[in-house]
Protein backbone atom coordinates (compact mmCIF):
# COMPACT_ATOMS: atom_id res chain seq x y z
CA MET A 1 41.83 236.88 150.89
CA ASN A 2 45.54 236.25 151.50
CA GLY A 3 45.23 236.10 155.22
CA PHE A 4 43.25 239.22 155.48
CA GLU A 5 39.58 238.44 156.40
CA LEU A 6 37.20 241.29 156.20
CA LYS A 7 33.57 240.64 156.62
CA THR A 8 31.11 242.08 154.05
CA TYR A 9 29.40 244.30 156.70
CA HIS A 10 32.86 245.64 157.77
CA SER A 11 33.78 246.37 154.13
CA GLY A 12 30.45 248.14 153.67
CA LEU A 13 31.00 250.40 156.60
CA LEU A 14 34.58 251.16 155.56
CA GLN A 15 33.44 252.14 152.08
CA ALA A 16 30.78 254.33 153.38
CA ARG A 17 33.01 256.09 155.88
CA ALA A 18 35.76 256.53 153.29
CA TYR A 19 33.19 257.98 150.77
CA ARG A 20 31.83 260.54 153.43
CA ALA A 21 35.37 261.44 154.54
CA LEU A 22 36.44 262.16 150.95
CA ARG A 23 33.24 263.86 150.12
CA TYR A 24 33.35 266.10 153.12
CA TYR A 25 36.98 267.03 152.55
CA MET A 26 36.37 267.92 148.90
CA ALA A 27 33.06 269.65 149.51
CA ASP A 28 34.68 271.83 152.28
CA PHE A 29 37.44 272.77 149.93
CA LEU A 30 35.25 273.60 147.10
CA LYS A 31 33.10 275.97 149.22
CA LYS A 32 35.64 278.79 148.70
CA TYR A 33 34.96 278.45 144.96
CA HIS A 34 31.16 278.38 145.45
CA LEU A 35 31.03 274.98 143.77
CA SER A 36 29.21 271.80 144.93
CA MET A 37 30.83 268.45 144.30
CA MET A 38 28.33 267.79 141.41
CA GLU A 39 29.12 271.18 139.86
CA TRP A 40 32.84 270.44 140.18
CA THR A 41 32.73 267.12 138.70
CA LEU A 42 30.47 268.31 135.95
CA LEU A 43 32.68 271.34 135.28
CA GLY A 44 35.73 269.15 134.98
CA HIS A 45 34.07 266.79 132.43
CA ILE A 46 32.69 269.61 130.38
CA SER A 47 36.11 271.20 130.22
CA GLU A 48 37.56 267.83 128.81
CA SER A 49 34.99 267.80 126.00
CA ASN A 50 35.73 268.99 122.54
CA LYS A 51 35.54 272.70 121.61
CA GLU A 52 32.00 272.39 120.18
CA GLY A 53 30.76 271.00 123.60
CA ILE A 54 29.06 268.04 124.83
CA ASN A 55 25.38 266.92 124.60
CA ILE A 56 23.35 267.24 127.87
CA SER A 57 21.94 263.81 127.43
CA GLN A 58 25.50 262.33 127.06
CA LEU A 59 26.34 263.98 130.41
CA ALA A 60 23.17 262.75 132.13
CA GLU A 61 24.13 259.23 130.99
CA LEU A 62 27.66 259.60 132.14
CA PHE A 63 26.54 260.75 135.69
CA GLY A 64 23.74 258.27 135.68
CA VAL A 65 21.07 260.90 136.36
CA GLU A 66 17.91 262.05 134.61
CA THR A 67 18.30 264.75 131.93
CA SER A 68 16.17 267.16 134.03
CA LEU A 69 18.54 266.97 136.86
CA MET A 70 21.49 267.52 134.43
CA THR A 71 19.69 270.50 132.83
CA ASN A 72 19.19 272.08 136.37
CA SER A 73 23.00 271.61 137.19
CA ILE A 74 23.98 273.07 133.72
CA ASN A 75 21.71 276.06 134.43
CA LYS A 76 23.58 276.74 137.70
CA LEU A 77 26.88 276.56 135.93
CA HIS A 78 25.59 278.74 133.18
CA ASP A 79 24.30 281.40 135.70
CA LYS A 80 27.71 281.51 137.09
CA GLY A 81 29.28 282.15 133.70
CA LEU A 82 31.26 278.92 133.77
CA VAL A 83 29.64 277.19 130.82
CA GLY A 84 27.80 278.25 127.66
CA ARG A 85 25.12 276.46 125.71
CA THR A 86 24.69 276.11 121.93
CA SER A 87 22.76 274.06 119.50
CA ASP A 88 24.30 271.28 117.57
CA VAL A 89 25.12 272.26 113.92
CA SER A 90 23.85 268.90 112.65
CA ASP A 91 20.62 268.84 114.79
CA LYS A 92 19.32 272.10 116.24
CA ARG A 93 17.16 270.23 118.75
CA ILE A 94 20.32 269.03 120.59
CA ARG A 95 21.78 271.32 123.16
CA LEU A 96 25.60 271.32 123.59
CA VAL A 97 27.40 272.57 126.64
CA ARG A 98 30.86 274.00 126.51
CA ILE A 99 33.32 275.50 128.96
CA THR A 100 33.66 279.27 128.97
CA LYS A 101 37.07 280.97 129.36
CA LYS A 102 36.10 281.81 132.93
CA GLY A 103 35.11 278.16 133.57
CA GLY A 104 38.41 276.91 131.90
CA LEU A 105 40.54 279.12 134.16
CA LEU A 106 38.60 278.02 137.20
CA VAL A 107 38.96 274.33 136.42
CA LYS A 108 42.67 274.75 136.00
CA LYS A 109 43.02 276.65 139.35
CA VAL A 110 40.85 274.40 141.35
CA GLU A 111 42.40 271.29 140.00
CA LYS A 112 45.88 272.40 140.72
CA LYS A 113 44.96 273.50 144.28
CA LEU A 114 42.68 270.60 145.08
CA SER A 115 45.21 268.00 143.80
CA ALA A 116 47.85 269.51 146.05
CA SER A 117 45.45 269.63 148.95
CA LEU A 118 44.46 266.03 148.51
CA GLU A 119 48.11 265.03 148.18
CA GLU A 120 48.87 266.52 151.54
CA TRP A 121 45.79 265.06 153.12
CA LEU A 122 46.63 261.57 151.91
CA LYS A 123 50.53 261.91 152.47
CA ASP A 124 50.50 258.98 154.95
CA ILE A 125 49.27 256.46 152.30
CA ASN A 126 51.73 254.85 149.80
CA PRO A 127 51.00 256.41 146.43
CA LYS A 128 50.93 252.96 144.87
CA ALA A 129 48.13 251.98 147.20
CA ILE A 130 46.11 254.97 145.97
CA VAL A 131 46.74 254.10 142.33
CA HIS A 132 45.48 250.52 143.05
CA TYR A 133 42.44 251.94 145.03
CA MET A 134 41.51 254.06 141.88
CA GLU A 135 41.99 251.06 139.63
CA VAL A 136 39.47 249.06 141.79
CA LEU A 137 37.04 251.99 141.82
CA LYS A 138 37.21 252.35 138.10
CA TYR A 139 36.63 248.54 137.64
CA LEU A 140 33.56 248.64 140.03
CA ALA A 141 32.14 251.88 138.41
CA ASN A 142 32.14 250.08 135.11
CA LYS A 143 30.70 246.79 136.44
CA ASN A 144 27.18 247.44 135.47
């Protein structure tokens, strides 16, 4: 590995510690918005879906979770007024989730502030290294 030897058990520990550090940082930041990491990630993906919304089953597949867990998460966001639910016009059995105006404004606000906060938190890391790290993560996430 180009003169850089890292044992697999060392890399496993580093990955776990990095994941926990980032998760803790983001979870702590999101507390002031009364959002969990799952809710934040879900809300962001719903906000990127088309105007009609996104199918709950598609979201469950994207997140790699059971539809029942996704439905529970959607219910929490719905109770907060951040998402709405409708039926698909082509198939009334299919439930679509869409962002509400309140949810859209929250996504914009949190994304801006969280991005700035993370940029400050990671300021000692070369931005190119972060881009490469994200490319590796994207590759590994799609490896299945």
